[in-house]
């Protein structure tokens, strides 16, 4: 059964659905936290750190927007893989 482990393109095991909306909301309030929720802890911490360090600068806003976008798309990809897995079981 270990050979049948589903993984995302970034190597995280897919164990169920993730809410893209929750990832978006998390990233809205704390840049990078939605990415951590989606499974890429390192990238999420980098976005969070850069956003905090550059909060007073326009570049911080770019990381904030990118973090929301990335969190949403990563959860959508996770859900697509999970749906394909569930469909293959029937």
PDB file of N, CA and C in Angstrom:
ATOM      1  N   UNK A   1       0.818  -1.189   0.000  1.00  0.00           N
ATOM      2  CA  UNK A   1       0.000   0.000   0.000  1.00  0.00           C
ATOM      3  C   UNK A   1       0.866   1.259   0.000  1.00  0.00           C
ATOM      4  N   UNK A   2       2.099   1.164   0.500  1.00  0.00           N
ATOM      5  CA  UNK A   2       2.983   2.321   0.539  1.00  0.00           C
ATOM      6  C   UNK A   2       3.324   2.810  -0.865  1.00  0.00           C
ATOM      7  N   UNK A   3       3.253   1.920  -1.862  1.00  0.00           N
ATOM      8  CA  UNK A   3       3.560   2.315  -3.234  1.00  0.00           C
ATOM      9  C   UNK A   3       2.446   3.167  -3.834  1.00  0.00           C
ATOM     10  N   UNK A   4       1.266   3.168  -3.238  1.00  0.00           N
ATOM     11  CA  UNK A   4       0.119   3.882  -3.790  1.00  0.00           C
ATOM     12  C   UNK A   4      -0.121   5.214  -3.097  1.00  0.00           C
ATOM     13  N   UNK A   5       0.891   5.792  -2.477  1.00  0.00           N
ATOM     14  CA  UNK A   5       0.725   7.058  -1.784  1.00  0.00           C
ATOM     15  C   UNK A   5       0.646   8.176  -2.818  1.00  0.00           C
ATOM     16  N   UNK A   6      -0.436   8.953  -2.743  1.00  0.00           N
ATOM     17  CA  UNK A   6      -0.595  10.095  -3.624  1.00  0.00           C
ATOM     18  C   UNK A   6       0.222  11.254  -3.089  1.00  0.00           C
ATOM     19  N   UNK A   7       0.890  11.965  -3.990  1.00  0.00           N
ATOM     20  CA  UNK A   7       1.643  13.139  -3.574  1.00  0.00           C
ATOM     21  C   UNK A   7       1.345  14.303  -4.512  1.00  0.00           C
ATOM     22  N   UNK A   8       1.479  15.495  -3.986  1.00  0.00           N
ATOM     23  CA  UNK A   8       1.331  16.706  -4.779  1.00  0.00           C
ATOM     24  C   UNK A   8       2.608  16.916  -5.580  1.00  0.00           C
ATOM     25  N   UNK A   9       2.596  17.844  -6.549  1.00  0.00           N
ATOM     26  CA  UNK A   9       3.827  18.113  -7.303  1.00  0.00           C
ATOM     27  C   UNK A   9       4.980  18.586  -6.420  1.00  0.00           C
ATOM     28  N   UNK A  10       4.686  19.096  -5.230  1.00  0.00           N
ATOM     29  CA  UNK A  10       5.753  19.548  -4.328  1.00  0.00           C
ATOM     30  C   UNK A  10       6.105  18.490  -3.298  1.00  0.00           C
ATOM     31  N   UNK A  11       5.590  17.239  -3.451  1.00  0.00           N
ATOM     32  CA  UNK A  11       6.013  16.115  -2.640  1.00  0.00           C
ATOM     33  C   UNK A  11       5.221  15.853  -1.374  1.00  0.00           C
ATOM     34  N   UNK A  12       4.150  16.595  -1.115  1.00  0.00           N
ATOM     35  CA  UNK A  12       3.361  16.397   0.096  1.00  0.00           C
ATOM     36  C   UNK A  12       2.334  15.287  -0.144  1.00  0.00           C
ATOM     37  N   UNK A  13       2.209  14.351   0.786  1.00  0.00           N
ATOM     38  CA  UNK A  13       1.167  13.325   0.633  1.00  0.00           C
ATOM     39  C   UNK A  13      -0.223  13.957   0.640  1.00  0.00           C
ATOM     40  N   UNK A  14      -1.070  13.504  -0.259  1.00  0.00           N
ATOM     41  CA  UNK A  14      -2.451  13.982  -0.326  1.00  0.00           C
ATOM     42  C   UNK A  14      -3.294  13.051   0.524  1.00  0.00           C
ATOM     43  N   UNK A  15      -3.848  13.569   1.604  1.00  0.00           N
ATOM     44  CA  UNK A  15      -4.619  12.739   2.528  1.00  0.00           C
ATOM     45  C   UNK A  15      -6.086  13.126   2.576  1.00  0.00           C
ATOM     46  N   UNK A  16      -6.460  14.125   1.854  1.00  0.00           N
ATOM     47  CA  UNK A  16      -7.849  14.578   1.847  1.00  0.00           C
ATOM     48  C   UNK A  16      -7.925  15.951   1.222  1.00  0.00           C
ATOM     49  N   UNK A  17      -9.118  16.504   1.236  1.00  0.00           N
ATOM     50  CA  UNK A  17      -9.319  17.804   0.627  1.00  0.00           C
ATOM     51  C   UNK A  17      -8.820  18.928   1.523  1.00  0.00           C
ATOM     52  N   UNK A  18      -8.369  19.982   0.885  1.00  0.00           N
ATOM     53  CA  UNK A  18      -7.987  21.228   1.556  1.00  0.00           C
ATOM     54  C   UNK A  18      -8.872  22.325   0.973  1.00  0.00           C
ATOM     55  N   UNK A  19      -9.252  23.256   1.791  1.00  0.00           N
ATOM     56  CA  UNK A  19     -10.116  24.335   1.346  1.00  0.00           C
ATOM     57  C   UNK A  19      -9.294  25.470   0.750  1.00  0.00           C
ATOM     58  N   UNK A  20      -9.438  25.718  -0.568  1.00  0.00           N
ATOM     59  CA  UNK A  20      -8.760  26.864  -1.160  1.00  0.00           C
ATOM     60  C   UNK A  20      -9.215  28.177  -0.524  1.00  0.00           C
ATOM     61  N   UNK A  21     -10.475  28.254  -0.119  1.00  0.00           N
ATOM     62  CA  UNK A  21     -11.009  29.464   0.515  1.00  0.00           C
ATOM     63  C   UNK A  21     -10.327  29.726   1.859  1.00  0.00           C
ATOM     64  N   UNK A  22     -10.160  28.676   2.658  1.00  0.00           N
ATOM     65  CA  UNK A  22      -9.466  28.840   3.943  1.00  0.00           C
ATOM     66  C   UNK A  22      -8.019  29.263   3.710  1.00  0.00           C
ATOM     67  N   UNK A  23      -7.361  28.652   2.722  1.00  0.00           N
ATOM     68  CA  UNK A  23      -5.979  29.034   2.400  1.00  0.00           C
ATOM     69  C   UNK A  23      -5.903  30.501   1.996  1.00  0.00           C
ATOM     70  N   UNK A  24      -6.880  30.955   1.221  1.00  0.00           N
ATOM     71  CA  UNK A  24      -6.915  32.347   0.787  1.00  0.00           C
ATOM     72  C   UNK A  24      -7.122  33.283   1.973  1.00  0.00           C
ATOM     73  N   UNK A  25      -8.045  32.936   2.864  1.00  0.00           N
ATOM     74  CA  UNK A  25      -8.323  33.764   4.040  1.00  0.00           C
ATOM     75  C   UNK A  25      -7.101  33.798   4.970  1.00  0.00           C
ATOM     76  N   UNK A  26      -6.485  32.647   5.193  1.00  0.00           N
ATOM     77  CA  UNK A  26      -5.281  32.609   6.038  1.00  0.00           C
ATOM     78  C   UNK A  26      -4.188  33.503   5.458  1.00  0.00           C
ATOM     79  N   UNK A  27      -3.996  33.415   4.140  1.00  0.00           N
ATOM     80  CA  UNK A  27      -2.966  34.228   3.494  1.00  0.00           C
ATOM     81  C   UNK A  27      -3.329  35.701   3.485  1.00  0.00           C
ATOM     82  N   UNK A  28      -4.617  36.008   3.493  1.00  0.00           N
ATOM     83  CA  UNK A  28      -5.035  37.405   3.534  1.00  0.00           C
ATOM     84  C   UNK A  28      -4.608  38.050   4.847  1.00  0.00           C
ATOM     85  N   UNK A  29      -4.830  37.339   5.939  1.00  0.00           N
ATOM     86  CA  UNK A  29      -4.517  37.908   7.252  1.00  0.00           C
ATOM     87  C   UNK A  29      -3.046  37.754   7.638  1.00  0.00           C
ATOM     88  N   UNK A  30      -2.431  36.650   7.251  1.00  0.00           N
ATOM     89  CA  UNK A  30      -1.006  36.413   7.541  1.00  0.00           C
ATOM     90  C   UNK A  30      -0.354  35.815   6.300  1.00  0.00           C
ATOM     91  N   UNK A  31       0.339  36.621   5.524  1.00  0.00           N
ATOM     92  CA  UNK A  31       0.962  36.115   4.301  1.00  0.00           C
ATOM     93  C   UNK A  31       1.832  34.892   4.586  1.00  0.00           C
ATOM     94  N   UNK A  32       1.643  33.860   3.773  1.00  0.00           N
ATOM     95  CA  UNK A  32       2.427  32.635   3.907  1.00  0.00           C
ATOM     96  C   UNK A  32       1.747  31.543   4.705  1.00  0.00           C
ATOM     97  N   UNK A  33       0.814  31.889   5.591  1.00  0.00           N
ATOM     98  CA  UNK A  33       0.173  30.874   6.431  1.00  0.00           C
ATOM     99  C   UNK A  33      -0.728  29.965   5.591  1.00  0.00           C
ATOM    100  N   UNK A  34      -1.353  30.508   4.549  1.00  0.00           N
ATOM    101  CA  UNK A  34      -2.159  29.674   3.651  1.00  0.00           C
ATOM    102  C   UNK A  34      -1.311  28.652   2.914  1.00  0.00           C
ATOM    103  N   UNK A  35      -0.090  29.037   2.569  1.00  0.00           N
ATOM    104  CA  UNK A  35       0.833  28.111   1.906  1.00  0.00           C
ATOM    105  C   UNK A  35       1.264  27.029   2.890  1.00  0.00           C
ATOM    106  N   UNK A  36       1.481  27.396   4.138  1.00  0.00           N
ATOM    107  CA  UNK A  36       1.802  26.406   5.166  1.00  0.00           C
ATOM    108  C   UNK A  36       0.636  25.435   5.314  1.00  0.00           C
ATOM    109  N   UNK A  37      -0.593  25.951   5.338  1.00  0.00           N
ATOM    110  CA  UNK A  37      -1.797  25.116   5.410  1.00  0.00           C
ATOM    111  C   UNK A  37      -1.871  24.159   4.220  1.00  0.00           C
ATOM    112  N   UNK A  38      -1.461  24.645   3.050  1.00  0.00           N
ATOM    113  CA  UNK A  38      -1.505  23.814   1.843  1.00  0.00           C
ATOM    114  C   UNK A  38      -0.404  22.763   1.818  1.00  0.00           C
ATOM    115  N   UNK A  39       0.607  22.901   2.677  1.00  0.00           N
ATOM    116  CA  UNK A  39       1.606  21.848   2.779  1.00  0.00           C
ATOM    117  C   UNK A  39       3.035  22.222   2.476  1.00  0.00           C
ATOM    118  N   UNK A  40       3.309  23.458   2.083  1.00  0.00           N
ATOM    119  CA  UNK A  40       4.694  23.856   1.806  1.00  0.00           C
ATOM    120  C   UNK A  40       5.173  24.793   2.905  1.00  0.00           C
ATOM    121  N   UNK A  41       5.612  24.187   3.979  1.00  0.00           N
ATOM    122  CA  UNK A  41       5.993  24.937   5.173  1.00  0.00           C
ATOM    123  C   UNK A  41       7.164  25.877   4.882  1.00  0.00           C
ATOM    124  N   UNK A  42       8.181  25.394   4.212  1.00  0.00           N
ATOM    125  CA  UNK A  42       9.355  26.224   3.930  1.00  0.00           C
ATOM    126  C   UNK A  42       9.011  27.460   3.117  1.00  0.00           C
ATOM    127  N   UNK A  43       8.285  27.275   2.023  1.00  0.00           N
ATOM    128  CA  UNK A  43       7.886  28.399   1.182  1.00  0.00           C
ATOM    129  C   UNK A  43       6.992  29.356   1.962  1.00  0.00           C
ATOM    130  N   UNK A  44       6.075  28.814   2.744  1.00  0.00           N
ATOM    131  CA  UNK A  44       5.193  29.654   3.545  1.00  0.00           C
ATOM    132  C   UNK A  44       5.963  30.499   4.546  1.00  0.00           C
ATOM    133  N   UNK A  45       6.960  29.909   5.190  1.00  0.00           N
ATOM    134  CA  UNK A  45       7.771  30.661   6.149  1.00  0.00           C
ATOM    135  C   UNK A  45       8.591  31.752   5.465  1.00  0.00           C
ATOM    136  N   UNK A  46       9.096  31.462   4.264  1.00  0.00           N
ATOM    137  CA  UNK A  46       9.845  32.475   3.511  1.00  0.00           C
ATOM    138  C   UNK A  46       8.926  33.644   3.159  1.00  0.00           C
ATOM    139  N   UNK A  47       7.729  33.352   2.648  1.00  0.00           N
ATOM    140  CA  UNK A  47       6.773  34.410   2.301  1.00  0.00           C
ATOM    141  C   UNK A  47       6.414  35.211   3.550  1.00  0.00           C
ATOM    142  N   UNK A  48       6.146  34.533   4.653  1.00  0.00           N
ATOM    143  CA  UNK A  48       5.797  35.213   5.897  1.00  0.00           C
ATOM    144  C   UNK A  48       6.945  36.117   6.360  1.00  0.00           C
ATOM    145  N   UNK A  49       8.154  35.587   6.363  1.00  0.00           N
ATOM    146  CA  UNK A  49       9.311  36.359   6.796  1.00  0.00           C
ATOM    147  C   UNK A  49       9.552  37.565   5.896  1.00  0.00           C
ATOM    148  N   UNK A  50       9.524  37.355   4.579  1.00  0.00           N
ATOM    149  CA  UNK A  50       9.739  38.461   3.650  1.00  0.00           C
ATOM    150  C   UNK A  50       8.641  39.508   3.767  1.00  0.00           C
ATOM    151  N   UNK A  51       7.420  39.070   3.951  1.00  0.00           N
ATOM    152  CA  UNK A  51       6.309  40.012   4.095  1.00  0.00           C
ATOM    153  C   UNK A  51       6.453  40.861   5.344  1.00  0.00           C
ATOM    154  N   UNK A  52       6.876  40.229   6.434  1.00  0.00           N
ATOM    155  CA  UNK A  52       7.068  40.978   7.681  1.00  0.00           C
ATOM    156  C   UNK A  52       8.229  41.955   7.526  1.00  0.00           C
ATOM    157  N   UNK A  53       9.331  41.488   6.948  1.00  0.00           N
ATOM    158  CA  UNK A  53      10.503  42.344   6.785  1.00  0.00           C
ATOM    159  C   UNK A  53      10.245  43.508   5.830  1.00  0.00           C
ATOM    160  N   UNK A  54       9.410  43.273   4.842  1.00  0.00           N
ATOM    161  CA  UNK A  54       9.165  44.294   3.825  1.00  0.00           C
ATOM    162  C   UNK A  54       7.778  44.914   3.937  1.00  0.00           C
ATOM    163  N   UNK A  55       7.172  44.808   5.109  1.00  0.00           N
ATOM    164  CA  UNK A  55       5.795  45.276   5.288  1.00  0.00           C
ATOM    165  C   UNK A  55       5.629  46.750   4.951  1.00  0.00           C
ATOM    166  N   UNK A  56       6.624  47.552   5.234  1.00  0.00           N
ATOM    167  CA  UNK A  56       6.513  48.985   4.984  1.00  0.00           C
ATOM    168  C   UNK A  56       6.845  49.340   3.537  1.00  0.00           C
ATOM    169  N   UNK A  57       7.232  48.363   2.777  1.00  0.00           N
ATOM    170  CA  UNK A  57       7.644  48.596   1.398  1.00  0.00           C
ATOM    171  C   UNK A  57       6.630  47.948   0.463  1.00  0.00           C
ATOM    172  N   UNK A  58       6.490  48.499  -0.702  1.00  0.00           N
ATOM    173  CA  UNK A  58       5.537  47.990  -1.688  1.00  0.00           C
ATOM    174  C   UNK A  58       5.780  46.531  -2.035  1.00  0.00           C
ATOM    175  N   UNK A  59       7.017  46.109  -2.002  1.00  0.00           N
ATOM    176  CA  UNK A  59       7.361  44.720  -2.338  1.00  0.00           C
ATOM    177  C   UNK A  59       6.646  43.748  -1.406  1.00  0.00           C
ATOM    178  N   UNK A  60       6.446  44.140  -0.151  1.00  0.00           N
ATOM    179  CA  UNK A  60       5.720  43.297   0.796  1.00  0.00           C
ATOM    180  C   UNK A  60       4.312  42.978   0.316  1.00  0.00           C
ATOM    181  N   UNK A  61       3.683  43.931  -0.337  1.00  0.00           N
ATOM    182  CA  UNK A  61       2.335  43.712  -0.878  1.00  0.00           C
ATOM    183  C   UNK A  61       2.369  42.663  -1.985  1.00  0.00           C
ATOM    184  N   UNK A  62       3.415  42.682  -2.779  1.00  0.00           N
ATOM    185  CA  UNK A  62       3.550  41.689  -3.853  1.00  0.00           C
ATOM    186  C   UNK A  62       3.639  40.285  -3.255  1.00  0.00           C
ATOM    187  N   UNK A  63       4.441  40.102  -2.201  1.00  0.00           N
ATOM    188  CA  UNK A  63       4.536  38.795  -1.553  1.00  0.00           C
ATOM    189  C   UNK A  63       3.202  38.402  -0.924  1.00  0.00           C
ATOM    190  N   UNK A  64       2.490  39.358  -0.382  1.00  0.00           N
ATOM    191  CA  UNK A  64       1.177  39.105   0.221  1.00  0.00           C
ATOM    192  C   UNK A  64       0.199  38.583  -0.833  1.00  0.00           C
ATOM    193  N   UNK A  65       0.133  39.257  -1.982  1.00  0.00           N
ATOM    194  CA  UNK A  65      -0.766  38.835  -3.064  1.00  0.00           C
ATOM    195  C   UNK A  65      -0.326  37.485  -3.613  1.00  0.00           C
ATOM    196  N   UNK A  66       0.981  37.312  -3.829  1.00  0.00           N
ATOM    197  CA  UNK A  66       1.482  36.033  -4.329  1.00  0.00           C
ATOM    198  C   UNK A  66       1.160  34.902  -3.351  1.00  0.00           C
ATOM    199  N   UNK A  67       1.288  35.165  -2.069  1.00  0.00           N
ATOM    200  CA  UNK A  67       0.992  34.150  -1.059  1.00  0.00           C
ATOM    201  C   UNK A  67      -0.458  33.707  -1.107  1.00  0.00           C
ATOM    202  N   UNK A  68      -1.382  34.658  -1.279  1.00  0.00           N
ATOM    203  CA  UNK A  68      -2.797  34.298  -1.387  1.00  0.00           C
ATOM    204  C   UNK A  68      -3.046  33.467  -2.638  1.00  0.00           C
ATOM    205  N   UNK A  69      -2.491  33.899  -3.774  1.00  0.00           N
ATOM    206  CA  UNK A  69      -2.657  33.173  -5.026  1.00  0.00           C
ATOM    207  C   UNK A  69      -2.093  31.756  -4.922  1.00  0.00           C
ATOM    208  N   UNK A  70      -0.879  31.647  -4.408  1.00  0.00           N
ATOM    209  CA  UNK A  70      -0.216  30.341  -4.334  1.00  0.00           C
ATOM    210  C   UNK A  70      -0.952  29.390  -3.392  1.00  0.00           C
ATOM    211  N   UNK A  71      -1.410  29.891  -2.249  1.00  0.00           N
ATOM    212  CA  UNK A  71      -2.152  29.048  -1.302  1.00  0.00           C
ATOM    213  C   UNK A  71      -3.423  28.514  -1.945  1.00  0.00           C
ATOM    214  N   UNK A  72      -4.141  29.369  -2.657  1.00  0.00           N
ATOM    215  CA  UNK A  72      -5.381  28.965  -3.311  1.00  0.00           C
ATOM    216  C   UNK A  72      -5.114  27.910  -4.387  1.00  0.00           C
ATOM    217  N   UNK A  73      -4.119  28.156  -5.254  1.00  0.00           N
ATOM    218  CA  UNK A  73      -3.853  27.209  -6.345  1.00  0.00           C
ATOM    219  C   UNK A  73      -3.300  25.884  -5.838  1.00  0.00           C
ATOM    220  N   UNK A  74      -2.515  25.915  -4.753  1.00  0.00           N
ATOM    221  CA  UNK A  74      -1.977  24.670  -4.210  1.00  0.00           C
ATOM    222  C   UNK A  74      -3.086  23.796  -3.638  1.00  0.00           C
ATOM    223  N   UNK A  75      -4.047  24.391  -2.957  1.00  0.00           N
ATOM    224  CA  UNK A  75      -5.167  23.612  -2.424  1.00  0.00           C
ATOM    225  C   UNK A  75      -6.042  23.081  -3.551  1.00  0.00           C
ATOM    226  N   UNK A  76      -6.226  23.873  -4.606  1.00  0.00           N
ATOM    227  CA  UNK A  76      -6.995  23.418  -5.761  1.00  0.00           C
ATOM    228  C   UNK A  76      -6.324  22.211  -6.404  1.00  0.00           C
ATOM    229  N   UNK A  77      -5.008  22.243  -6.538  1.00  0.00           N
ATOM    230  CA  UNK A  77      -4.259  21.111  -7.101  1.00  0.00           C
ATOM    231  C   UNK A  77      -4.370  19.883  -6.202  1.00  0.00           C
ATOM    232  N   UNK A  78      -4.252  20.086  -4.897  1.00  0.00           N
ATOM    233  CA  UNK A  78      -4.414  19.003  -3.933  1.00  0.00           C
ATOM    234  C   UNK A  78      -5.787  18.349  -4.113  1.00  0.00           C
ATOM    235  N   UNK A  79      -6.831  19.160  -4.228  1.00  0.00           N
ATOM    236  CA  UNK A  79      -8.185  18.648  -4.369  1.00  0.00           C
ATOM    237  C   UNK A  79      -8.388  17.906  -5.691  1.00  0.00           C
ATOM    238  N   UNK A  80      -7.751  18.390  -6.773  1.00  0.00           N
ATOM    239  CA  UNK A  80      -7.847  17.711  -8.059  1.00  0.00           C
ATOM    240  C   UNK A  80      -7.244  16.314  -7.963  1.00  0.00           C
ATOM    241  N   UNK A  81      -6.083  16.205  -7.335  1.00  0.00           N
ATOM    242  CA  UNK A  81      -5.431  14.902  -7.174  1.00  0.00           C
ATOM    243  C   UNK A  81      -6.279  13.992  -6.303  1.00  0.00           C
ATOM    244  N   UNK A  82      -6.846  14.541  -5.232  1.00  0.00           N
ATOM    245  CA  UNK A  82      -7.685  13.753  -4.333  1.00  0.00           C
ATOM    246  C   UNK A  82      -8.942  13.259  -5.053  1.00  0.00           C
ATOM    247  N   UNK A  83      -9.565  14.111  -5.859  1.00  0.00           N
ATOM    248  CA  UNK A  83     -10.769  13.721  -6.607  1.00  0.00           C
ATOM    249  C   UNK A  83     -10.445  12.617  -7.616  1.00  0.00           C
ATOM    250  N   UNK A  84      -9.298  12.719  -8.279  1.00  0.00           N
ATOM    251  CA  UNK A  84      -8.893  11.667  -9.209  1.00  0.00           C
ATOM    252  C   UNK A  84      -8.677  10.349  -8.484  1.00  0.00           C
ATOM    253  N   UNK A  85      -8.091  10.420  -7.314  1.00  0.00           N
ATOM    254  CA  UNK A  85      -7.876   9.218  -6.519  1.00  0.00           C
ATOM    255  C   UNK A  85      -9.224   8.585  -6.128  1.00  0.00           C
ATOM    256  N   UNK A  86     -10.136   9.411  -5.644  1.00  0.00           N
ATOM    257  CA  UNK A  86     -11.451   8.885  -5.240  1.00  0.00           C
ATOM    258  C   UNK A  86     -12.188   8.299  -6.430  1.00  0.00           C
ATOM    259  N   UNK A  87     -12.096   8.942  -7.591  1.00  0.00           N
ATOM    260  CA  UNK A  87     -12.762   8.450  -8.794  1.00  0.00           C
ATOM    261  C   UNK A  87     -12.165   7.111  -9.248  1.00  0.00           C
ATOM    262  N   UNK A  88     -10.870   6.938  -9.037  1.00  0.00           N
ATOM    263  CA  UNK A  88     -10.219   5.690  -9.461  1.00  0.00           C
ATOM    264  C   UNK A  88     -10.583   4.517  -8.564  1.00  0.00           C
ATOM    265  N   UNK A  89     -11.090   4.812  -7.373  1.00  0.00           N
ATOM    266  CA  UNK A  89     -11.440   3.744  -6.420  1.00  0.00           C
ATOM    267  C   UNK A  89     -12.816   3.147  -6.713  1.00  0.00           C
ATOM    268  N   UNK A  90     -13.602   3.828  -7.537  1.00  0.00           N
ATOM    269  CA  UNK A  90     -14.961   3.314  -7.804  1.00  0.00           C
ATOM    270  C   UNK A  90     -14.997   2.501  -9.057  1.00  0.00           C
TER     271      UNK A  90
END
